[in-house]
PDB file of N, CA and C in Angstrom:
ATOM      1  N   UNK A   1      90.085 212.705  26.735  1.00  0.00           N
ATOM      2  CA  UNK A   1      89.758 211.028  27.377  1.00  0.00           C
ATOM      3  C   UNK A   1      88.760 210.294  26.451  1.00  0.00           C
ATOM      4  N   UNK A   2      89.385 208.830  26.426  1.00  0.00           N
ATOM      5  CA  UNK A   2      88.752 207.918  25.819  1.00  0.00           C
ATOM      6  C   UNK A   2      87.315 207.070  27.100  1.00  0.00           C
ATOM      7  N   UNK A   3      86.616 207.481  26.213  1.00  0.00           N
ATOM      8  CA  UNK A   3      85.173 206.710  26.828  1.00  0.00           C
ATOM      9  C   UNK A   3      84.914 205.541  26.519  1.00  0.00           C
ATOM     10  N   UNK A   4      85.093 204.164  26.904  1.00  0.00           N
ATOM     11  CA  UNK A   4      84.763 202.763  26.617  1.00  0.00           C
ATOM     12  C   UNK A   4      83.150 202.568  27.230  1.00  0.00           C
ATOM     13  N   UNK A   5      82.142 202.235  26.372  1.00  0.00           N
ATOM     14  CA  UNK A   5      80.797 201.798  27.054  1.00  0.00           C
ATOM     15  C   UNK A   5      80.829 200.509  27.403  1.00  0.00           C
ATOM     16  N   UNK A   6      79.764 200.199  28.629  1.00  0.00           N
ATOM     17  CA  UNK A   6      79.771 199.104  28.953  1.00  0.00           C
ATOM     18  C   UNK A   6      78.994 197.662  27.557  1.00  0.00           C
ATOM     19  N   UNK A   7      78.451 198.521  26.677  1.00  0.00           N
ATOM     20  CA  UNK A   7      77.951 197.955  25.432  1.00  0.00           C
ATOM     21  C   UNK A   7      79.504 197.711  24.822  1.00  0.00           C
ATOM     22  N   UNK A   8      80.363 198.897  24.702  1.00  0.00           N
ATOM     23  CA  UNK A   8      81.567 198.325  23.945  1.00  0.00           C
ATOM     24  C   UNK A   8      82.388 197.066  24.416  1.00  0.00           C
ATOM     25  N   UNK A   9      82.365 197.216  25.780  1.00  0.00           N
ATOM     26  CA  UNK A   9      83.487 196.269  26.692  1.00  0.00           C
ATOM     27  C   UNK A   9      82.665 194.689  26.465  1.00  0.00           C
ATOM     28  N   UNK A  10      81.062 194.590  26.244  1.00  0.00           N
ATOM     29  CA  UNK A  10      80.513 193.224  25.964  1.00  0.00           C
ATOM     30  C   UNK A  10      80.697 192.882  24.718  1.00  0.00           C
ATOM     31  N   UNK A  11      80.762 194.226  23.487  1.00  0.00           N
ATOM     32  CA  UNK A  11      80.864 193.799  22.413  1.00  0.00           C
ATOM     33  C   UNK A  11      82.315 192.919  22.141  1.00  0.00           C
ATOM     34  N   UNK A  12      83.477 193.538  22.839  1.00  0.00           N
ATOM     35  CA  UNK A  12      84.937 193.173  22.770  1.00  0.00           C
ATOM     36  C   UNK A  12      84.861 191.955  23.418  1.00  0.00           C
ATOM     37  N   UNK A  13      83.902 191.510  24.270  1.00  0.00           N
ATOM     38  CA  UNK A  13      84.118 190.439  25.239  1.00  0.00           C
ATOM     39  C   UNK A  13      83.521 189.071  24.062  1.00  0.00           C
ATOM     40  N   UNK A  14      82.454 189.479  23.150  1.00  0.00           N
ATOM     41  CA  UNK A  14      81.366 188.527  22.411  1.00  0.00           C
ATOM     42  C   UNK A  14      82.555 188.106  21.314  1.00  0.00           C
ATOM     43  N   UNK A  15      83.557 189.041  20.931  1.00  0.00           N
ATOM     44  CA  UNK A  15      84.411 188.736  19.814  1.00  0.00           C
ATOM     45  C   UNK A  15      85.625 188.208  20.017  1.00  0.00           C
ATOM     46  N   UNK A  16      86.081 188.379  21.356  1.00  0.00           N
ATOM     47  CA  UNK A  16      87.073 187.663  21.732  1.00  0.00           C
ATOM     48  C   UNK A  16      86.906 186.231  22.068  1.00  0.00           C
ATOM     49  N   UNK A  17      85.853 186.009  22.772  1.00  0.00           N
ATOM     50  CA  UNK A  17      84.999 184.546  22.973  1.00  0.00           C
ATOM     51  C   UNK A  17      84.917 184.021  21.746  1.00  0.00           C
ATOM     52  N   UNK A  18      84.388 184.178  20.247  1.00  0.00           N
ATOM     53  CA  UNK A  18      84.189 184.046  19.349  1.00  0.00           C
ATOM     54  C   UNK A  18      85.765 183.701  18.209  1.00  0.00           C
ATOM     55  N   UNK A  19      86.356 184.174  18.849  1.00  0.00           N
ATOM     56  CA  UNK A  19      87.867 184.059  18.320  1.00  0.00           C
ATOM     57  C   UNK A  19      88.776 182.795  19.009  1.00  0.00           C
ATOM     58  N   UNK A  20      88.342 183.098  20.302  1.00  0.00           N
ATOM     59  CA  UNK A  20      88.938 181.791  20.833  1.00  0.00           C
ATOM     60  C   UNK A  20      87.801 180.620  20.808  1.00  0.00           C
ATOM     61  N   UNK A  21      86.838 180.334  20.345  1.00  0.00           N
ATOM     62  CA  UNK A  21      86.240 179.364  19.386  1.00  0.00           C
ATOM     63  C   UNK A  21      86.442 178.900  18.563  1.00  0.00           C
ATOM     64  N   UNK A  22      86.617 179.767  17.364  1.00  0.00           N
ATOM     65  CA  UNK A  22      87.546 179.566  16.439  1.00  0.00           C
ATOM     66  C   UNK A  22      88.884 179.017  16.264  1.00  0.00           C
ATOM     67  N   UNK A  23      89.823 179.143  17.103  1.00  0.00           N
ATOM     68  CA  UNK A  23      91.042 178.729  17.656  1.00  0.00           C
ATOM     69  C   UNK A  23      90.671 177.297  18.005  1.00  0.00           C
ATOM     70  N   UNK A  24      89.281 177.136  19.096  1.00  0.00           N
ATOM     71  CA  UNK A  24      89.166 175.582  19.805  1.00  0.00           C
ATOM     72  C   UNK A  24      88.600 174.751  18.146  1.00  0.00           C
ATOM     73  N   UNK A  25      88.011 175.201  17.665  1.00  0.00           N
ATOM     74  CA  UNK A  25      87.344 174.508  16.157  1.00  0.00           C
ATOM     75  C   UNK A  25      88.770 174.397  15.427  1.00  0.00           C
ATOM     76  N   UNK A  26      89.887 174.689  15.166  1.00  0.00           N
ATOM     77  CA  UNK A  26      90.409 174.409  14.462  1.00  0.00           C
ATOM     78  C   UNK A  26      91.539 173.619  14.895  1.00  0.00           C
ATOM     79  N   UNK A  27      91.897 173.566  16.623  1.00  0.00           N
ATOM     80  CA  UNK A  27      92.575 172.628  16.987  1.00  0.00           C
ATOM     81  C   UNK A  27      91.671 170.929  16.991  1.00  0.00           C
ATOM     82  N   UNK A  28      90.278 170.967  16.804  1.00  0.00           N
ATOM     83  CA  UNK A  28      90.162 170.128  16.567  1.00  0.00           C
ATOM     84  C   UNK A  28      90.159 169.249  15.416  1.00  0.00           C
ATOM     85  N   UNK A  29      90.081 170.183  14.369  1.00  0.00           N
ATOM     86  CA  UNK A  29      90.596 169.972  13.161  1.00  0.00           C
ATOM     87  C   UNK A  29      92.204 169.266  12.785  1.00  0.00           C
ATOM     88  N   UNK A  30      92.877 170.075  13.538  1.00  0.00           N
ATOM     89  CA  UNK A  30      93.788 169.148  13.448  1.00  0.00           C
ATOM     90  C   UNK A  30      94.465 168.195  14.158  1.00  0.00           C
ATOM     91  N   UNK A  31      93.992 168.117  15.439  1.00  0.00           N
ATOM     92  CA  UNK A  31      94.478 167.306  16.366  1.00  0.00           C
ATOM     93  C   UNK A  31      93.126 165.968  16.471  1.00  0.00           C
ATOM     94  N   UNK A  32      91.731 166.154  15.522  1.00  0.00           N
ATOM     95  CA  UNK A  32      90.670 164.878  15.368  1.00  0.00           C
ATOM     96  C   UNK A  32      90.549 164.881  14.376  1.00  0.00           C
ATOM     97  N   UNK A  33      90.812 164.912  13.431  1.00  0.00           N
ATOM     98  CA  UNK A  33      90.187 165.138  11.883  1.00  0.00           C
ATOM     99  C   UNK A  33      89.162 164.580  11.974  1.00  0.00           C
ATOM    100  N   UNK A  34      89.174 163.008  12.164  1.00  0.00           N
ATOM    101  CA  UNK A  34      88.231 162.171  12.208  1.00  0.00           C
ATOM    102  C   UNK A  34      86.804 162.426  12.604  1.00  0.00           C
ATOM    103  N   UNK A  35      87.090 162.961  14.267  1.00  0.00           N
ATOM    104  CA  UNK A  35      85.598 163.592  14.708  1.00  0.00           C
ATOM    105  C   UNK A  35      85.446 164.968  13.965  1.00  0.00           C
ATOM    106  N   UNK A  36      86.363 165.267  13.545  1.00  0.00           N
ATOM    107  CA  UNK A  36      85.969 166.786  12.552  1.00  0.00           C
ATOM    108  C   UNK A  36      85.274 166.383  11.380  1.00  0.00           C
ATOM    109  N   UNK A  37      85.523 165.325  11.033  1.00  0.00           N
ATOM    110  CA  UNK A  37      84.881 165.094   9.921  1.00  0.00           C
ATOM    111  C   UNK A  37      83.555 164.573  10.049  1.00  0.00           C
ATOM    112  N   UNK A  38      83.606 163.510  11.079  1.00  0.00           N
ATOM    113  CA  UNK A  38      82.236 162.996  11.317  1.00  0.00           C
ATOM    114  C   UNK A  38      81.304 164.046  11.844  1.00  0.00           C
ATOM    115  N   UNK A  39      81.275 165.170  12.749  1.00  0.00           N
ATOM    116  CA  UNK A  39      80.077 166.283  12.663  1.00  0.00           C
ATOM    117  C   UNK A  39      79.931 166.787  11.443  1.00  0.00           C
ATOM    118  N   UNK A  40      81.095 166.716  10.170  1.00  0.00           N
ATOM    119  CA  UNK A  40      80.059 167.096   9.097  1.00  0.00           C
ATOM    120  C   UNK A  40      80.880 168.657   8.963  1.00  0.00           C
ATOM    121  N   UNK A  41      79.834 169.521   8.906  1.00  0.00           N
ATOM    122  CA  UNK A  41      80.594 170.783   8.484  1.00  0.00           C
ATOM    123  C   UNK A  41      81.257 171.768   9.697  1.00  0.00           C
ATOM    124  N   UNK A  42      81.549 172.647   9.294  1.00  0.00           N
ATOM    125  CA  UNK A  42      82.112 174.455   9.969  1.00  0.00           C
ATOM    126  C   UNK A  42      80.944 174.097  11.362  1.00  0.00           C
ATOM    127  N   UNK A  43      79.664 174.709  10.914  1.00  0.00           N
ATOM    128  CA  UNK A  43      78.832 174.983  11.633  1.00  0.00           C
ATOM    129  C   UNK A  43      78.519 174.164  12.915  1.00  0.00           C
ATOM    130  N   UNK A  44      78.756 172.625  12.408  1.00  0.00           N
ATOM    131  CA  UNK A  44      78.528 171.641  13.212  1.00  0.00           C
ATOM    132  C   UNK A  44      79.635 171.271  14.506  1.00  0.00           C
ATOM    133  N   UNK A  45      80.552 171.446  13.629  1.00  0.00           N
ATOM    134  CA  UNK A  45      81.888 171.691  14.963  1.00  0.00           C
ATOM    135  C   UNK A  45      81.948 173.071  15.325  1.00  0.00           C
ATOM    136  N   UNK A  46      81.610 173.895  15.014  1.00  0.00           N
ATOM    137  CA  UNK A  46      81.185 174.876  15.714  1.00  0.00           C
ATOM    138  C   UNK A  46      80.380 175.166  16.858  1.00  0.00           C
ATOM    139  N   UNK A  47      79.226 174.350  16.771  1.00  0.00           N
ATOM    140  CA  UNK A  47      78.418 174.035  17.888  1.00  0.00           C
ATOM    141  C   UNK A  47      79.032 173.022  18.949  1.00  0.00           C
ATOM    142  N   UNK A  48      79.592 172.247  18.566  1.00  0.00           N
ATOM    143  CA  UNK A  48      80.014 171.159  19.299  1.00  0.00           C
ATOM    144  C   UNK A  48      81.075 172.211  20.526  1.00  0.00           C
ATOM    145  N   UNK A  49      82.088 172.605  19.875  1.00  0.00           N
ATOM    146  CA  UNK A  49      82.880 173.123  20.801  1.00  0.00           C
ATOM    147  C   UNK A  49      82.298 174.135  21.604  1.00  0.00           C
ATOM    148  N   UNK A  50      81.489 175.050  20.916  1.00  0.00           N
ATOM    149  CA  UNK A  50      80.848 175.717  21.835  1.00  0.00           C
ATOM    150  C   UNK A  50      80.144 175.302  23.101  1.00  0.00           C
ATOM    151  N   UNK A  51      79.304 174.541  22.478  1.00  0.00           N
ATOM    152  CA  UNK A  51      78.871 173.964  24.112  1.00  0.00           C
ATOM    153  C   UNK A  51      79.628 173.100  24.580  1.00  0.00           C
ATOM    154  N   UNK A  52      80.831 172.439  24.270  1.00  0.00           N
ATOM    155  CA  UNK A  52      81.744 171.930  25.750  1.00  0.00           C
ATOM    156  C   UNK A  52      82.182 173.292  26.358  1.00  0.00           C
ATOM    157  N   UNK A  53      82.994 174.485  25.695  1.00  0.00           N
ATOM    158  CA  UNK A  53      83.516 175.090  26.402  1.00  0.00           C
ATOM    159  C   UNK A  53      82.179 175.962  27.388  1.00  0.00           C
ATOM    160  N   UNK A  54      81.282 175.763  26.812  1.00  0.00           N
ATOM    161  CA  UNK A  54      80.387 176.521  27.943  1.00  0.00           C
ATOM    162  C   UNK A  54      79.796 175.572  28.950  1.00  0.00           C
ATOM    163  N   UNK A  55      80.154 174.753  28.507  1.00  0.00           N
ATOM    164  CA  UNK A  55      79.658 173.156  29.794  1.00  0.00           C
ATOM    165  C   UNK A  55      80.907 173.496  30.609  1.00  0.00           C
ATOM    166  N   UNK A  56      82.158 173.284  30.252  1.00  0.00           N
ATOM    167  CA  UNK A  56      83.437 173.542  31.335  1.00  0.00           C
ATOM    168  C   UNK A  56      83.185 174.827  32.433  1.00  0.00           C
ATOM    169  N   UNK A  57      82.865 175.598  31.431  1.00  0.00           N
ATOM    170  CA  UNK A  57      83.075 176.864  31.858  1.00  0.00           C
ATOM    171  C   UNK A  57      81.769 177.505  33.242  1.00  0.00           C
ATOM    172  N   UNK A  58      81.213 176.622  32.724  1.00  0.00           N
ATOM    173  CA  UNK A  58      80.086 175.922  33.831  1.00  0.00           C
ATOM    174  C   UNK A  58      80.303 175.489  35.213  1.00  0.00           C
ATOM    175  N   UNK A  59      81.257 174.903  35.201  1.00  0.00           N
ATOM    176  CA  UNK A  59      82.080 173.936  35.832  1.00  0.00           C
ATOM    177  C   UNK A  59      83.226 174.831  37.119  1.00  0.00           C
ATOM    178  N   UNK A  60      83.454 176.027  36.259  1.00  0.00           N
ATOM    179  CA  UNK A  60      84.240 177.070  37.200  1.00  0.00           C
ATOM    180  C   UNK A  60      85.862 177.561  36.549  1.00  0.00           C
ATOM    181  N   UNK A  61      85.817 176.346  34.840  1.00  0.00           N
ATOM    182  CA  UNK A  61      87.061 176.616  34.063  1.00  0.00           C
ATOM    183  C   UNK A  61      86.889 177.995  33.204  1.00  0.00           C
ATOM    184  N   UNK A  62      87.747 178.852  33.254  1.00  0.00           N
ATOM    185  CA  UNK A  62      87.545 180.133  32.783  1.00  0.00           C
ATOM    186  C   UNK A  62      89.082 180.000  31.938  1.00  0.00           C
ATOM    187  N   UNK A  63      90.081 179.672  32.025  1.00  0.00           N
ATOM    188  CA  UNK A  63      91.285 180.131  31.343  1.00  0.00           C
ATOM    189  C   UNK A  63      91.493 179.314  29.971  1.00  0.00           C
ATOM    190  N   UNK A  64      91.714 179.988  29.168  1.00  0.00           N
ATOM    191  CA  UNK A  64      91.618 179.317  27.761  1.00  0.00           C
ATOM    192  C   UNK A  64      92.105 177.866  27.541  1.00  0.00           C
ATOM    193  N   UNK A  65      93.615 177.821  28.118  1.00  0.00           N
ATOM    194  CA  UNK A  65      94.146 176.437  28.114  1.00  0.00           C
ATOM    195  C   UNK A  65      93.630 175.330  28.893  1.00  0.00           C
ATOM    196  N   UNK A  66      92.839 175.787  29.775  1.00  0.00           N
ATOM    197  CA  UNK A  66      92.088 174.469  30.339  1.00  0.00           C
ATOM    198  C   UNK A  66      90.652 174.232  29.857  1.00  0.00           C
ATOM    199  N   UNK A  67      90.257 175.258  29.433  1.00  0.00           N
ATOM    200  CA  UNK A  67      88.707 175.063  28.323  1.00  0.00           C
ATOM    201  C   UNK A  67      89.522 173.796  26.948  1.00  0.00           C
ATOM    202  N   UNK A  68      90.648 174.347  26.648  1.00  0.00           N
ATOM    203  CA  UNK A  68      91.293 173.537  25.374  1.00  0.00           C
ATOM    204  C   UNK A  68      91.458 172.165  25.958  1.00  0.00           C
ATOM    205  N   UNK A  69      92.096 172.301  26.717  1.00  0.00           N
ATOM    206  CA  UNK A  69      92.267 170.786  27.651  1.00  0.00           C
ATOM    207  C   UNK A  69      91.215 169.599  27.652  1.00  0.00           C
ATOM    208  N   UNK A  70      90.351 170.238  28.106  1.00  0.00           N
ATOM    209  CA  UNK A  70      88.982 169.659  28.372  1.00  0.00           C
ATOM    210  C   UNK A  70      88.239 169.394  27.437  1.00  0.00           C
ATOM    211  N   UNK A  71      87.998 170.238  26.091  1.00  0.00           N
ATOM    212  CA  UNK A  71      87.548 170.191  25.065  1.00  0.00           C
ATOM    213  C   UNK A  71      88.796 168.825  24.185  1.00  0.00           C
ATOM    214  N   UNK A  72      89.925 168.916  24.813  1.00  0.00           N
ATOM    215  CA  UNK A  72      90.290 167.974  23.968  1.00  0.00           C
ATOM    216  C   UNK A  72      90.288 166.368  24.365  1.00  0.00           C
ATOM    217  N   UNK A  73      89.949 166.647  25.805  1.00  0.00           N
ATOM    218  CA  UNK A  73      89.735 165.287  26.369  1.00  0.00           C
ATOM    219  C   UNK A  73      88.256 164.650  26.371  1.00  0.00           C
ATOM    220  N   UNK A  74      87.283 165.381  26.306  1.00  0.00           N
ATOM    221  CA  UNK A  74      86.181 165.397  25.336  1.00  0.00           C
ATOM    222  C   UNK A  74      86.067 164.649  24.277  1.00  0.00           C
ATOM    223  N   UNK A  75      87.018 165.232  23.393  1.00  0.00           N
ATOM    224  CA  UNK A  75      87.356 164.480  21.789  1.00  0.00           C
ATOM    225  C   UNK A  75      87.574 163.021  21.986  1.00  0.00           C
ATOM    226  N   UNK A  76      88.717 163.149  22.571  1.00  0.00           N
ATOM    227  CA  UNK A  76      89.404 161.726  23.026  1.00  0.00           C
ATOM    228  C   UNK A  76      88.512 160.699  23.587  1.00  0.00           C
ATOM    229  N   UNK A  77      87.743 161.242  24.750  1.00  0.00           N
ATOM    230  CA  UNK A  77      86.757 160.081  25.146  1.00  0.00           C
ATOM    231  C   UNK A  77      85.367 160.385  25.481  1.00  0.00           C
ATOM    232  N   UNK A  78      84.834 161.092  24.771  1.00  0.00           N
ATOM    233  CA  UNK A  78      83.773 161.292  24.476  1.00  0.00           C
ATOM    234  C   UNK A  78      82.773 162.345  25.202  1.00  0.00           C
ATOM    235  N   UNK A  79      82.048 162.940  24.820  1.00  0.00           N
ATOM    236  CA  UNK A  79      80.741 163.530  25.532  1.00  0.00           C
ATOM    237  C   UNK A  79      80.465 163.445  26.452  1.00  0.00           C
ATOM    238  N   UNK A  80      80.486 163.965  27.975  1.00  0.00           N
ATOM    239  CA  UNK A  80      79.821 163.123  29.134  1.00  0.00           C
ATOM    240  C   UNK A  80      81.003 162.041  29.387  1.00  0.00           C
ATOM    241  N   UNK A  81      82.088 161.869  29.136  1.00  0.00           N
ATOM    242  CA  UNK A  81      82.700 161.201  29.724  1.00  0.00           C
ATOM    243  C   UNK A  81      83.101 160.604  31.037  1.00  0.00           C
ATOM    244  N   UNK A  82      83.410 162.118  31.986  1.00  0.00           N
ATOM    245  CA  UNK A  82      83.099 162.134  32.985  1.00  0.00           C
ATOM    246  C   UNK A  82      82.176 161.677  34.054  1.00  0.00           C
ATOM    247  N   UNK A  83      81.251 161.703  33.262  1.00  0.00           N
ATOM    248  CA  UNK A  83      79.576 160.821  34.175  1.00  0.00           C
ATOM    249  C   UNK A  83      79.867 159.230  34.158  1.00  0.00           C
ATOM    250  N   UNK A  84      80.861 158.817  33.487  1.00  0.00           N
ATOM    251  CA  UNK A  84      80.881 157.141  33.343  1.00  0.00           C
ATOM    252  C   UNK A  84      81.284 156.471  34.825  1.00  0.00           C
ATOM    253  N   UNK A  85      80.550 155.353  34.560  1.00  0.00           N
ATOM    254  CA  UNK A  85      80.932 154.846  36.415  1.00  0.00           C
ATOM    255  C   UNK A  85      82.941 154.551  36.146  1.00  0.00           C
ATOM    256  N   UNK A  86      83.292 154.341  34.915  1.00  0.00           N
ATOM    257  CA  UNK A  86      85.406 154.418  35.201  1.00  0.00           C
ATOM    258  C   UNK A  86      85.448 155.595  35.181  1.00  0.00           C
ATOM    259  N   UNK A  87      84.976 156.344  35.281  1.00  0.00           N
ATOM    260  CA  UNK A  87      85.899 157.882  35.269  1.00  0.00           C
ATOM    261  C   UNK A  87      85.067 158.676  36.961  1.00  0.00           C
ATOM    262  N   UNK A  88      84.588 157.647  37.731  1.00  0.00           N
ATOM    263  CA  UNK A  88      84.291 158.220  38.809  1.00  0.00           C
ATOM    264  C   UNK A  88      85.335 159.066  39.638  1.00  0.00           C
ATOM    265  N   UNK A  89      86.301 158.622  39.760  1.00  0.00           N
ATOM    266  CA  UNK A  89      87.743 158.954  40.156  1.00  0.00           C
ATOM    267  C   UNK A  89      87.974 160.721  39.383  1.00  0.00           C
ATOM    268  N   UNK A  90      87.606 160.807  38.004  1.00  0.00           N
ATOM    269  CA  UNK A  90      87.559 162.133  37.326  1.00  0.00           C
ATOM    270  C   UNK A  90      86.529 163.254  38.555  1.00  0.00           C
ATOM    271  N   UNK A  91      85.347 162.564  38.033  1.00  0.00           N
ATOM    272  CA  UNK A  91      84.197 163.206  38.680  1.00  0.00           C
ATOM    273  C   UNK A  91      84.508 163.840  40.277  1.00  0.00           C
ATOM    274  N   UNK A  92      85.026 162.941  40.985  1.00  0.00           N
ATOM    275  CA  UNK A  92      85.238 163.459  42.136  1.00  0.00           C
ATOM    276  C   UNK A  92      86.507 165.019  42.494  1.00  0.00           C
ATOM    277  N   UNK A  93      87.311 164.665  41.433  1.00  0.00           N
ATOM    278  CA  UNK A  93      88.342 165.881  40.963  1.00  0.00           C
ATOM    279  C   UNK A  93      87.999 166.940  40.394  1.00  0.00           C
ATOM    280  N   UNK A  94      87.131 166.752  39.876  1.00  0.00           N
ATOM    281  CA  UNK A  94      86.527 168.205  39.100  1.00  0.00           C
ATOM    282  C   UNK A  94      85.290 168.645  40.122  1.00  0.00           C
ATOM    283  N   UNK A  95      84.924 168.068  40.754  1.00  0.00           N
ATOM    284  CA  UNK A  95      84.107 168.315  41.827  1.00  0.00           C
ATOM    285  C   UNK A  95      84.297 169.471  42.919  1.00  0.00           C
ATOM    286  N   UNK A  96      85.622 169.019  43.242  1.00  0.00           N
ATOM    287  CA  UNK A  96      86.639 169.601  44.335  1.00  0.00           C
ATOM    288  C   UNK A  96      86.385 171.197  44.038  1.00  0.00           C
ATOM    289  N   UNK A  97      86.982 171.787  45.540  1.00  0.00           N
ATOM    290  CA  UNK A  97      86.310 173.401  45.463  1.00  0.00           C
ATOM    291  C   UNK A  97      87.891 173.848  45.230  1.00  0.00           C
ATOM    292  N   UNK A  98      88.961 173.238  44.066  1.00  0.00           N
ATOM    293  CA  UNK A  98      90.107 173.664  44.257  1.00  0.00           C
ATOM    294  C   UNK A  98      90.161 174.945  43.223  1.00  0.00           C
ATOM    295  N   UNK A  99      91.283 175.230  42.978  1.00  0.00           N
ATOM    296  CA  UNK A  99      91.244 176.400  41.674  1.00  0.00           C
ATOM    297  C   UNK A  99      91.492 175.351  40.865  1.00  0.00           C
ATOM    298  N   UNK A 100      91.184 175.946  39.541  1.00  0.00           N
ATOM    299  CA  UNK A 100      90.812 174.951  38.161  1.00  0.00           C
ATOM    300  C   UNK A 100      92.123 174.699  37.806  1.00  0.00           C
ATOM    301  N   UNK A 101      93.297 174.831  38.071  1.00  0.00           N
ATOM    302  CA  UNK A 101      94.657 174.771  37.476  1.00  0.00           C
ATOM    303  C   UNK A 101      95.232 173.697  38.212  1.00  0.00           C
ATOM    304  N   UNK A 102      94.654 173.258  39.607  1.00  0.00           N
ATOM    305  CA  UNK A 102      94.787 172.165  40.475  1.00  0.00           C
ATOM    306  C   UNK A 102      93.878 170.994  39.966  1.00  0.00           C
ATOM    307  N   UNK A 103      92.860 171.460  39.534  1.00  0.00           N
ATOM    308  CA  UNK A 103      92.211 170.530  39.347  1.00  0.00           C
ATOM    309  C   UNK A 103      92.706 170.078  37.946  1.00  0.00           C
ATOM    310  N   UNK A 104      92.955 170.596  37.080  1.00  0.00           N
ATOM    311  CA  UNK A 104      93.744 170.152  35.767  1.00  0.00           C
ATOM    312  C   UNK A 104      94.702 169.263  36.531  1.00  0.00           C
ATOM    313  N   UNK A 105      95.500 169.755  37.089  1.00  0.00           N
ATOM    314  CA  UNK A 105      96.795 168.983  37.315  1.00  0.00           C
ATOM    315  C   UNK A 105      96.420 167.965  38.282  1.00  0.00           C
ATOM    316  N   UNK A 106      95.543 167.575  38.932  1.00  0.00           N
ATOM    317  CA  UNK A 106      95.604 166.210  39.386  1.00  0.00           C
ATOM    318  C   UNK A 106      94.778 165.092  38.155  1.00  0.00           C
ATOM    319  N   UNK A 107      94.503 165.567  37.892  1.00  0.00           N
ATOM    320  CA  UNK A 107      93.547 164.885  36.617  1.00  0.00           C
ATOM    321  C   UNK A 107      94.637 164.278  35.352  1.00  0.00           C
ATOM    322  N   UNK A 108      95.219 164.893  35.192  1.00  0.00           N
ATOM    323  CA  UNK A 108      96.694 164.737  34.354  1.00  0.00           C
ATOM    324  C   UNK A 108      97.345 163.674  34.981  1.00  0.00           C
ATOM    325  N   UNK A 109      97.875 164.272  35.756  1.00  0.00           N
ATOM    326  CA  UNK A 109      98.695 162.974  36.969  1.00  0.00           C
ATOM    327  C   UNK A 109      98.043 161.825  36.915  1.00  0.00           C
ATOM    328  N   UNK A 110      96.543 161.943  37.326  1.00  0.00           N
ATOM    329  CA  UNK A 110      96.222 160.588  37.359  1.00  0.00           C
ATOM    330  C   UNK A 110      95.683 159.978  35.915  1.00  0.00           C
ATOM    331  N   UNK A 111      95.986 160.575  34.892  1.00  0.00           N
ATOM    332  CA  UNK A 111      95.666 160.024  33.575  1.00  0.00           C
ATOM    333  C   UNK A 111      97.349 159.432  33.576  1.00  0.00           C
ATOM    334  N   UNK A 112      98.404 160.490  33.932  1.00  0.00           N
ATOM    335  CA  UNK A 112      99.406 159.677  33.215  1.00  0.00           C
ATOM    336  C   UNK A 112      99.877 158.423  34.302  1.00  0.00           C
ATOM    337  N   UNK A 113      99.216 158.256  35.205  1.00  0.00           N
ATOM    338  CA  UNK A 113      99.162 156.811  35.923  1.00  0.00           C
ATOM    339  C   UNK A 113      99.043 155.816  35.318  1.00  0.00           C
ATOM    340  N   UNK A 114      97.677 156.007  34.834  1.00  0.00           N
ATOM    341  CA  UNK A 114      96.526 155.333  34.312  1.00  0.00           C
ATOM    342  C   UNK A 114      96.987 155.140  32.872  1.00  0.00           C
ATOM    343  N   UNK A 115      98.063 155.696  32.068  1.00  0.00           N
ATOM    344  CA  UNK A 115      98.385 155.294  30.822  1.00  0.00           C
ATOM    345  C   UNK A 115      99.428 154.151  31.236  1.00  0.00           C
ATOM    346  N   UNK A 116     100.123 154.381  32.277  1.00  0.00           N
ATOM    347  CA  UNK A 116     101.517 154.120  32.837  1.00  0.00           C
ATOM    348  C   UNK A 116     101.260 152.304  32.628  1.00  0.00           C
ATOM    349  N   UNK A 117     100.044 152.202  33.643  1.00  0.00           N
ATOM    350  CA  UNK A 117      99.366 150.710  33.654  1.00  0.00           C
ATOM    351  C   UNK A 117      99.135 150.130  32.677  1.00  0.00           C
ATOM    352  N   UNK A 118      98.402 151.227  31.669  1.00  0.00           N
ATOM    353  CA  UNK A 118      98.203 150.517  30.459  1.00  0.00           C
ATOM    354  C   UNK A 118      96.137 150.704  30.600  1.00  0.00           C
ATOM    355  N   UNK A 119      95.625 151.326  31.450  1.00  0.00           N
ATOM    356  CA  UNK A 119      94.455 151.540  31.861  1.00  0.00           C
ATOM    357  C   UNK A 119      93.676 152.239  31.305  1.00  0.00           C
ATOM    358  N   UNK A 120      94.226 153.110  30.495  1.00  0.00           N
ATOM    359  CA  UNK A 120      93.935 154.123  29.707  1.00  0.00           C
ATOM    360  C   UNK A 120      94.112 154.748  28.134  1.00  0.00           C
TER     361      UNK A 120
END
């Protein structure tokens, strides 16, 4: 019988999280090359990505797709964009006690409307 110890599970989780952060950093390099260049080196990019992901995890987002989308929004609109007065509607949606996928859906829907109006 195979026995997997809690320490082994933790190490596997750490490894998987590390791989996810590497994937996020690669996404930023590909989709936001100017930002990646401005951050400087790979370590600074990795720190930026890790900080962003952990911040959003703290708000209840756990799925990788959601975290990548939120990271992309931070890259596009700036770190802490959700705290700016013009984004007050976003802070309200993110603060709802809805499932994370519902919050992401509502934000995307609102952003689509704002883009259509030329306000975003």
